[in-house]
Amino acid sequence: YNHHLPQKALGHEAPVQALKKWKMKAPDLFVKNVRNHPGPDR
């Protein structure tokens, strides 16, 4: 995910929330489910 997008470009939403909205509008564009995994990578 590109978390460096300006908030104005996303409609002042969190990047993950914007991705979830886009998936609802066009599910055929997404191969995997949109998930938010907060915390450090393991």
PDB file of N, CA and C in Angstrom:
ATOM      1  N   TYR A   1       0.828  -1.183   0.000  1.00  0.00           N
ATOM      2  CA  TYR A   1       0.000   0.000   0.000  1.00  0.00           C
ATOM      3  C   TYR A   1       0.868   1.240   0.000  1.00  0.00           C
ATOM      4  N   ASN A   2       0.400   2.260  -0.652  1.00  0.00           N
ATOM      5  CA  ASN A   2       1.155   3.505  -0.694  1.00  0.00           C
ATOM      6  C   ASN A   2       0.621   4.440   0.377  1.00  0.00           C
ATOM      7  N   HIS A   3       1.245   4.444   1.540  1.00  0.00           N
ATOM      8  CA  HIS A   3       0.783   5.262   2.659  1.00  0.00           C
ATOM      9  C   HIS A   3       1.287   6.694   2.573  1.00  0.00           C
ATOM     10  N   HIS A   4       1.969   7.064   1.485  1.00  0.00           N
ATOM     11  CA  HIS A   4       2.509   8.403   1.360  1.00  0.00           C
ATOM     12  C   HIS A   4       1.648   9.285   0.463  1.00  0.00           C
ATOM     13  N   LEU A   5       0.407   8.879   0.196  1.00  0.00           N
ATOM     14  CA  LEU A   5      -0.505   9.715  -0.577  1.00  0.00           C
ATOM     15  C   LEU A   5      -1.014  10.859   0.291  1.00  0.00           C
ATOM     16  N   PRO A   6      -1.195  12.033  -0.291  1.00  0.00           N
ATOM     17  CA  PRO A   6      -1.766  13.128   0.498  1.00  0.00           C
ATOM     18  C   PRO A   6      -3.194  12.796   0.926  1.00  0.00           C
ATOM     19  N   GLN A   7      -3.554  13.197   2.124  1.00  0.00           N
ATOM     20  CA  GLN A   7      -4.895  12.904   2.629  1.00  0.00           C
ATOM     21  C   GLN A   7      -5.969  13.552   1.756  1.00  0.00           C
ATOM     22  N   LYS A   8      -5.665  14.680   1.139  1.00  0.00           N
ATOM     23  CA  LYS A   8      -6.640  15.347   0.280  1.00  0.00           C
ATOM     24  C   LYS A   8      -7.000  14.464  -0.916  1.00  0.00           C
ATOM     25  N   ALA A   9      -6.027  13.726  -1.449  1.00  0.00           N
ATOM     26  CA  ALA A   9      -6.272  12.842  -2.589  1.00  0.00           C
ATOM     27  C   ALA A   9      -7.169  11.674  -2.206  1.00  0.00           C
ATOM     28  N   LEU A  10      -7.199  11.330  -0.935  1.00  0.00           N
ATOM     29  CA  LEU A  10      -8.008  10.202  -0.466  1.00  0.00           C
ATOM     30  C   LEU A  10      -9.330  10.654   0.132  1.00  0.00           C
ATOM     31  N   GLY A  11      -9.667  11.924  -0.003  1.00  0.00           N
ATOM     32  CA  GLY A  11     -10.906  12.410   0.595  1.00  0.00           C
ATOM     33  C   GLY A  11     -10.800  12.525   2.097  1.00  0.00           C
ATOM     34  N   HIS A  12      -9.604  12.808   2.590  1.00  0.00           N
ATOM     35  CA  HIS A  12      -9.341  12.973   4.030  1.00  0.00           C
ATOM     36  C   HIS A  12      -9.705  11.723   4.823  1.00  0.00           C
ATOM     37  N   GLU A  13      -9.366  10.550   4.265  1.00  0.00           N
ATOM     38  CA  GLU A  13      -9.591   9.269   4.943  1.00  0.00           C
ATOM     39  C   GLU A  13      -8.249   8.573   5.142  1.00  0.00           C
ATOM     40  N   ALA A  14      -8.255   7.599   6.008  1.00  0.00           N
ATOM     41  CA  ALA A  14      -7.065   6.763   6.170  1.00  0.00           C
ATOM     42  C   ALA A  14      -6.877   5.932   4.896  1.00  0.00           C
ATOM     43  N   PRO A  15      -5.631   5.628   4.510  1.00  0.00           N
ATOM     44  CA  PRO A  15      -5.396   4.867   3.280  1.00  0.00           C
ATOM     45  C   PRO A  15      -6.124   3.526   3.236  1.00  0.00           C
ATOM     46  N   VAL A  16      -6.175   2.821   4.354  1.00  0.00           N
ATOM     47  CA  VAL A  16      -6.841   1.515   4.368  1.00  0.00           C
ATOM     48  C   VAL A  16      -8.347   1.689   4.175  1.00  0.00           C
ATOM     49  N   GLN A  17      -8.927   2.729   4.767  1.00  0.00           N
ATOM     50  CA  GLN A  17     -10.358   2.983   4.599  1.00  0.00           C
ATOM     51  C   GLN A  17     -10.665   3.309   3.138  1.00  0.00           C
ATOM     52  N   ALA A  18      -9.797   4.080   2.488  1.00  0.00           N
ATOM     53  CA  ALA A  18      -9.993   4.407   1.078  1.00  0.00           C
ATOM     54  C   ALA A  18      -9.917   3.142   0.219  1.00  0.00           C
ATOM     55  N   LEU A  19      -8.975   2.253   0.529  1.00  0.00           N
ATOM     56  CA  LEU A  19      -8.871   0.998  -0.219  1.00  0.00           C
ATOM     57  C   LEU A  19     -10.119   0.145  -0.052  1.00  0.00           C
ATOM     58  N   LYS A  20     -10.678   0.109   1.155  1.00  0.00           N
ATOM     59  CA  LYS A  20     -11.891  -0.672   1.387  1.00  0.00           C
ATOM     60  C   LYS A  20     -13.058  -0.120   0.576  1.00  0.00           C
ATOM     61  N   LYS A  21     -13.161   1.206   0.478  1.00  0.00           N
ATOM     62  CA  LYS A  21     -14.223   1.804  -0.337  1.00  0.00           C
ATOM     63  C   LYS A  21     -14.032   1.471  -1.807  1.00  0.00           C
ATOM     64  N   TRP A  22     -12.779   1.555  -2.285  1.00  0.00           N
ATOM     65  CA  TRP A  22     -12.508   1.239  -3.678  1.00  0.00           C
ATOM     66  C   TRP A  22     -12.825  -0.220  -3.977  1.00  0.00           C
ATOM     67  N   LYS A  23     -12.562  -1.111  -3.026  1.00  0.00           N
ATOM     68  CA  LYS A  23     -12.862  -2.528  -3.243  1.00  0.00           C
ATOM     69  C   LYS A  23     -14.366  -2.760  -3.335  1.00  0.00           C
ATOM     70  N   MET A  24     -15.147  -2.011  -2.563  1.00  0.00           N
ATOM     71  CA  MET A  24     -16.606  -2.157  -2.638  1.00  0.00           C
ATOM     72  C   MET A  24     -17.124  -1.681  -3.993  1.00  0.00           C
ATOM     73  N   LYS A  25     -16.494  -0.656  -4.565  1.00  0.00           N
ATOM     74  CA  LYS A  25     -16.931  -0.117  -5.856  1.00  0.00           C
ATOM     75  C   LYS A  25     -16.470  -0.987  -7.021  1.00  0.00           C
ATOM     76  N   ALA A  26     -15.256  -1.517  -6.944  1.00  0.00           N
ATOM     77  CA  ALA A  26     -14.693  -2.296  -8.048  1.00  0.00           C
ATOM     78  C   ALA A  26     -13.945  -3.509  -7.507  1.00  0.00           C
ATOM     79  N   PRO A  27     -14.671  -4.546  -7.065  1.00  0.00           N
ATOM     80  CA  PRO A  27     -14.008  -5.711  -6.465  1.00  0.00           C
ATOM     81  C   PRO A  27     -13.128  -6.491  -7.440  1.00  0.00           C
ATOM     82  N   ASP A  28     -13.380  -6.376  -8.743  1.00  0.00           N
ATOM     83  CA  ASP A  28     -12.575  -7.122  -9.709  1.00  0.00           C
ATOM     84  C   ASP A  28     -11.154  -6.575  -9.841  1.00  0.00           C
ATOM     85  N   LEU A  29     -10.883  -5.386  -9.299  1.00  0.00           N
ATOM     86  CA  LEU A  29      -9.539  -4.813  -9.354  1.00  0.00           C
ATOM     87  C   LEU A  29      -8.628  -5.352  -8.256  1.00  0.00           C
ATOM     88  N   PHE A  30      -9.200  -6.001  -7.252  1.00  0.00           N
ATOM     89  CA  PHE A  30      -8.426  -6.453  -6.099  1.00  0.00           C
ATOM     90  C   PHE A  30      -8.298  -7.971  -6.115  1.00  0.00           C
ATOM     91  N   VAL A  31      -7.079  -8.462  -5.961  1.00  0.00           N
ATOM     92  CA  VAL A  31      -6.833  -9.900  -5.912  1.00  0.00           C
ATOM     93  C   VAL A  31      -6.965 -10.398  -4.475  1.00  0.00           C
ATOM     94  N   LYS A  32      -6.414  -9.628  -3.527  1.00  0.00           N
ATOM     95  CA  LYS A  32      -6.444 -10.014  -2.117  1.00  0.00           C
ATOM     96  C   LYS A  32      -7.395  -9.114  -1.345  1.00  0.00           C
ATOM     97  N   ASN A  33      -7.783  -9.571  -0.158  1.00  0.00           N
ATOM     98  CA  ASN A  33      -8.614  -8.755   0.713  1.00  0.00           C
ATOM     99  C   ASN A  33      -7.791  -7.615   1.301  1.00  0.00           C
ATOM    100  N   VAL A  34      -8.464  -6.500   1.548  1.00  0.00           N
ATOM    101  CA  VAL A  34      -7.810  -5.348   2.166  1.00  0.00           C
ATOM    102  C   VAL A  34      -7.848  -5.546   3.670  1.00  0.00           C
ATOM    103  N   ARG A  35      -6.677  -5.601   4.284  1.00  0.00           N
ATOM    104  CA  ARG A  35      -6.590  -5.800   5.729  1.00  0.00           C
ATOM    105  C   ARG A  35      -5.659  -4.764   6.325  1.00  0.00           C
ATOM    106  N   ASN A  36      -5.951  -4.372   7.532  1.00  0.00           N
ATOM    107  CA  ASN A  36      -5.095  -3.442   8.258  1.00  0.00           C
ATOM    108  C   ASN A  36      -4.413  -4.225   9.369  1.00  0.00           C
ATOM    109  N   HIS A  37      -3.112  -4.371   9.263  1.00  0.00           N
ATOM    110  CA  HIS A  37      -2.339  -5.094  10.263  1.00  0.00           C
ATOM    111  C   HIS A  37      -1.465  -4.106  11.023  1.00  0.00           C
ATOM    112  N   PRO A  38      -1.992  -3.475  12.056  1.00  0.00           N
ATOM    113  CA  PRO A  38      -1.164  -2.540  12.812  1.00  0.00           C
ATOM    114  C   PRO A  38      -0.104  -3.283  13.621  1.00  0.00           C
ATOM    115  N   GLY A  39       0.971  -2.612  13.878  1.00  0.00           N
ATOM    116  CA  GLY A  39       2.029  -3.221  14.666  1.00  0.00           C
ATOM    117  C   GLY A  39       3.228  -3.568  13.819  1.00  0.00           C
ATOM    118  N   PRO A  40       4.287  -4.014  14.447  1.00  0.00           N
ATOM    119  CA  PRO A  40       5.520  -4.330  13.718  1.00  0.00           C
ATOM    120  C   PRO A  40       5.389  -5.611  12.898  1.00  0.00           C
ATOM    121  N   ASP A  41       6.139  -5.665  11.809  1.00  0.00           N
ATOM    122  CA  ASP A  41       6.193  -6.884  10.999  1.00  0.00           C
ATOM    123  C   ASP A  41       7.009  -7.930  11.730  1.00  0.00           C
ATOM    124  N   ARG A  42       6.644  -9.166  11.544  1.00  0.00           N
ATOM    125  CA  ARG A  42       7.376 -10.249  12.194  1.00  0.00           C
ATOM    126  C   ARG A  42       8.107 -11.080  11.197  1.00  0.00           C
TER     127      ARG A  42
END
